[in-house]
Structure formats: C-alpha cells, structure tokens
Amino acid sequence: MQNLSEYKTRRIPGGRIHYNLLSLTMLIVFILTINMSAVLQKLPNLEKRGQAVQLVVDGKPFLVLGGEMYNLSSSNLV
C-alpha cells in the first residue's frame, strides 16, 4: 500500500486554462451567431418612393391605421 503523501494525482498540463478558454470561445461564437442573425434580418426603414416617404417592413409598405379614441374635439368646427 502506498502512502498518501507519495500518491500524486494525474493532471493534464494546462487543463483548467484550456477548459476555460474553450468555454469562453464557445460563448463568444454563440453570442456572435445570435447577433449576426439579428443583423441579417432587414430592419424596418423609411424609403422615398416618388413624392411619398413610406415605412417599409419586410420589403412591403406598412400602412398604419391609427386614430384617437374618444376625441370629441375632432367633430367641433370651432
């Protein structure tokens, strides 16, 4: 039986550093992949088409049907 003081654990040279660098590299690649997919999607933008400026979403003009609810002053002619 060997003494515990003589027992040496087997270590991989640079194991912890190698593991940390590998984990960090994988994290960076994952983050860059997510960011690139967001960048590749075309963002909504304003385009001038003739005399009009249009909001374009997914390559098509986006029409906003908006208004105010309970706007009583809109029918007042004064």
C-alpha atoms as a PDB file:
ATOM      1  CA  MET A   1       0.000   0.000   0.000  1.00  0.00           C
ATOM      2  CA  GLN A   2       1.335   3.401  -0.912  1.00  0.00           C
ATOM      3  CA  ASN A   3       1.490   6.325   1.429  1.00  0.00           C
ATOM      4  CA  LEU A   4      -0.912   9.121   0.685  1.00  0.00           C
ATOM      5  CA  SER A   5       1.991  11.569   0.595  1.00  0.00           C
ATOM      6  CA  GLU A   6       3.529   9.615  -2.277  1.00  0.00           C
ATOM      7  CA  TYR A   7       0.283   9.451  -4.207  1.00  0.00           C
ATOM      8  CA  LYS A   8       0.211  12.001  -6.988  1.00  0.00           C
ATOM      9  CA  THR A   9      -2.839  12.901  -8.945  1.00  0.00           C
ATOM     10  CA  ARG A  10      -2.617  12.781 -12.676  1.00  0.00           C
ATOM     11  CA  ARG A  11      -3.116  16.212 -14.191  1.00  0.00           C
ATOM     12  CA  ILE A  12      -3.452  17.342 -17.731  1.00  0.00           C
ATOM     13  CA  PRO A  13      -0.995  20.182 -18.389  1.00  0.00           C
ATOM     14  CA  GLY A  14      -2.958  23.408 -18.725  1.00  0.00           C
ATOM     15  CA  GLY A  15      -6.235  21.544 -18.256  1.00  0.00           C
ATOM     16  CA  ARG A  16      -8.120  24.218 -16.365  1.00  0.00           C
ATOM     17  CA  ILE A  17      -6.850  27.035 -18.579  1.00  0.00           C
ATOM     18  CA  HIS A  18      -7.625  25.008 -21.699  1.00  0.00           C
ATOM     19  CA  TYR A  19     -11.153  24.286 -20.439  1.00  0.00           C
ATOM     20  CA  ASN A  20     -11.761  27.965 -19.585  1.00  0.00           C
ATOM     21  CA  LEU A  21     -10.507  29.162 -22.977  1.00  0.00           C
ATOM     22  CA  LEU A  22     -12.632  26.595 -24.772  1.00  0.00           C
ATOM     23  CA  SER A  23     -15.719  27.643 -22.796  1.00  0.00           C
ATOM     24  CA  LEU A  24     -15.046  31.326 -23.455  1.00  0.00           C
ATOM     25  CA  THR A  25     -14.538  30.689 -27.172  1.00  0.00           C
ATOM     26  CA  MET A  26     -17.797  28.748 -27.407  1.00  0.00           C
ATOM     27  CA  LEU A  27     -19.654  31.538 -25.580  1.00  0.00           C
ATOM     28  CA  ILE A  28     -18.255  34.202 -27.923  1.00  0.00           C
ATOM     29  CA  VAL A  29     -19.178  32.161 -31.014  1.00  0.00           C
ATOM     30  CA  PHE A  30     -22.704  31.657 -29.645  1.00  0.00           C
ATOM     31  CA  ILE A  31     -23.168  35.388 -28.964  1.00  0.00           C
ATOM     32  CA  LEU A  32     -21.819  36.358 -32.390  1.00  0.00           C
ATOM     33  CA  THR A  33     -24.141  33.857 -34.071  1.00  0.00           C
ATOM     34  CA  ILE A  34     -27.169  35.352 -32.328  1.00  0.00           C
ATOM     35  CA  ASN A  35     -26.089  38.896 -33.206  1.00  0.00           C
ATOM     36  CA  MET A  36     -25.450  38.027 -36.851  1.00  0.00           C
ATOM     37  CA  SER A  37     -28.907  36.517 -37.254  1.00  0.00           C
ATOM     38  CA  ALA A  38     -30.410  39.753 -35.925  1.00  0.00           C
ATOM     39  CA  VAL A  39     -28.249  41.856 -38.260  1.00  0.00           C
ATOM     40  CA  LEU A  40     -29.124  39.780 -41.323  1.00  0.00           C
ATOM     41  CA  GLN A  41     -32.816  40.469 -40.871  1.00  0.00           C
ATOM     42  CA  LYS A  42     -33.713  43.663 -42.693  1.00  0.00           C
ATOM     43  CA  LEU A  43     -34.890  46.310 -40.275  1.00  0.00           C
ATOM     44  CA  PRO A  44     -37.931  48.481 -40.958  1.00  0.00           C
ATOM     45  CA  ASN A  45     -36.851  51.676 -42.710  1.00  0.00           C
ATOM     46  CA  LEU A  46     -38.197  54.785 -44.402  1.00  0.00           C
ATOM     47  CA  GLU A  47     -37.946  54.887 -48.206  1.00  0.00           C
ATOM     48  CA  LYS A  48     -38.793  57.723 -50.553  1.00  0.00           C
ATOM     49  CA  ARG A  49     -40.972  56.474 -53.414  1.00  0.00           C
ATOM     50  CA  GLY A  50     -41.930  59.290 -55.742  1.00  0.00           C
ATOM     51  CA  GLN A  51     -43.295  62.156 -53.648  1.00  0.00           C
ATOM     52  CA  ALA A  52     -44.129  59.934 -50.667  1.00  0.00           C
ATOM     53  CA  VAL A  53     -41.963  58.624 -47.867  1.00  0.00           C
ATOM     54  CA  GLN A  54     -43.090  55.158 -46.818  1.00  0.00           C
ATOM     55  CA  LEU A  55     -42.347  52.892 -43.895  1.00  0.00           C
ATOM     56  CA  VAL A  56     -41.149  49.607 -45.412  1.00  0.00           C
ATOM     57  CA  VAL A  57     -41.309  46.401 -43.351  1.00  0.00           C
ATOM     58  CA  ASP A  58     -40.158  43.075 -44.836  1.00  0.00           C
ATOM     59  CA  GLY A  59     -39.859  44.737 -48.247  1.00  0.00           C
ATOM     60  CA  LYS A  60     -43.513  45.849 -48.310  1.00  0.00           C
ATOM     61  CA  PRO A  61     -45.046  49.243 -47.477  1.00  0.00           C
ATOM     62  CA  PHE A  62     -46.530  49.240 -43.982  1.00  0.00           C
ATOM     63  CA  LEU A  63     -49.824  51.048 -43.552  1.00  0.00           C
ATOM     64  CA  VAL A  64     -50.687  52.248 -40.062  1.00  0.00           C
ATOM     65  CA  LEU A  65     -54.383  52.687 -39.441  1.00  0.00           C
ATOM     66  CA  GLY A  66     -54.337  54.884 -36.392  1.00  0.00           C
ATOM     67  CA  GLY A  67     -56.615  57.287 -34.661  1.00  0.00           C
ATOM     68  CA  GLU A  68     -57.702  58.600 -31.312  1.00  0.00           C
ATOM     69  CA  MET A  69     -60.475  57.128 -29.261  1.00  0.00           C
ATOM     70  CA  TYR A  70     -62.861  59.494 -27.511  1.00  0.00           C
ATOM     71  CA  ASN A  71     -61.507  62.517 -29.390  1.00  0.00           C
ATOM     72  CA  LEU A  72     -64.523  64.776 -29.065  1.00  0.00           C
ATOM     73  CA  SER A  73     -62.805  67.864 -30.461  1.00  0.00           C
ATOM     74  CA  SER A  74     -62.364  66.317 -33.936  1.00  0.00           C
ATOM     75  CA  SER A  75     -66.006  66.983 -34.853  1.00  0.00           C
ATOM     76  CA  ASN A  76     -66.036  70.529 -33.464  1.00  0.00           C
ATOM     77  CA  LEU A  77     -65.824  73.106 -36.276  1.00  0.00           C
ATOM     78  CA  VAL A  78     -64.898  75.993 -33.936  1.00  0.00           C
END
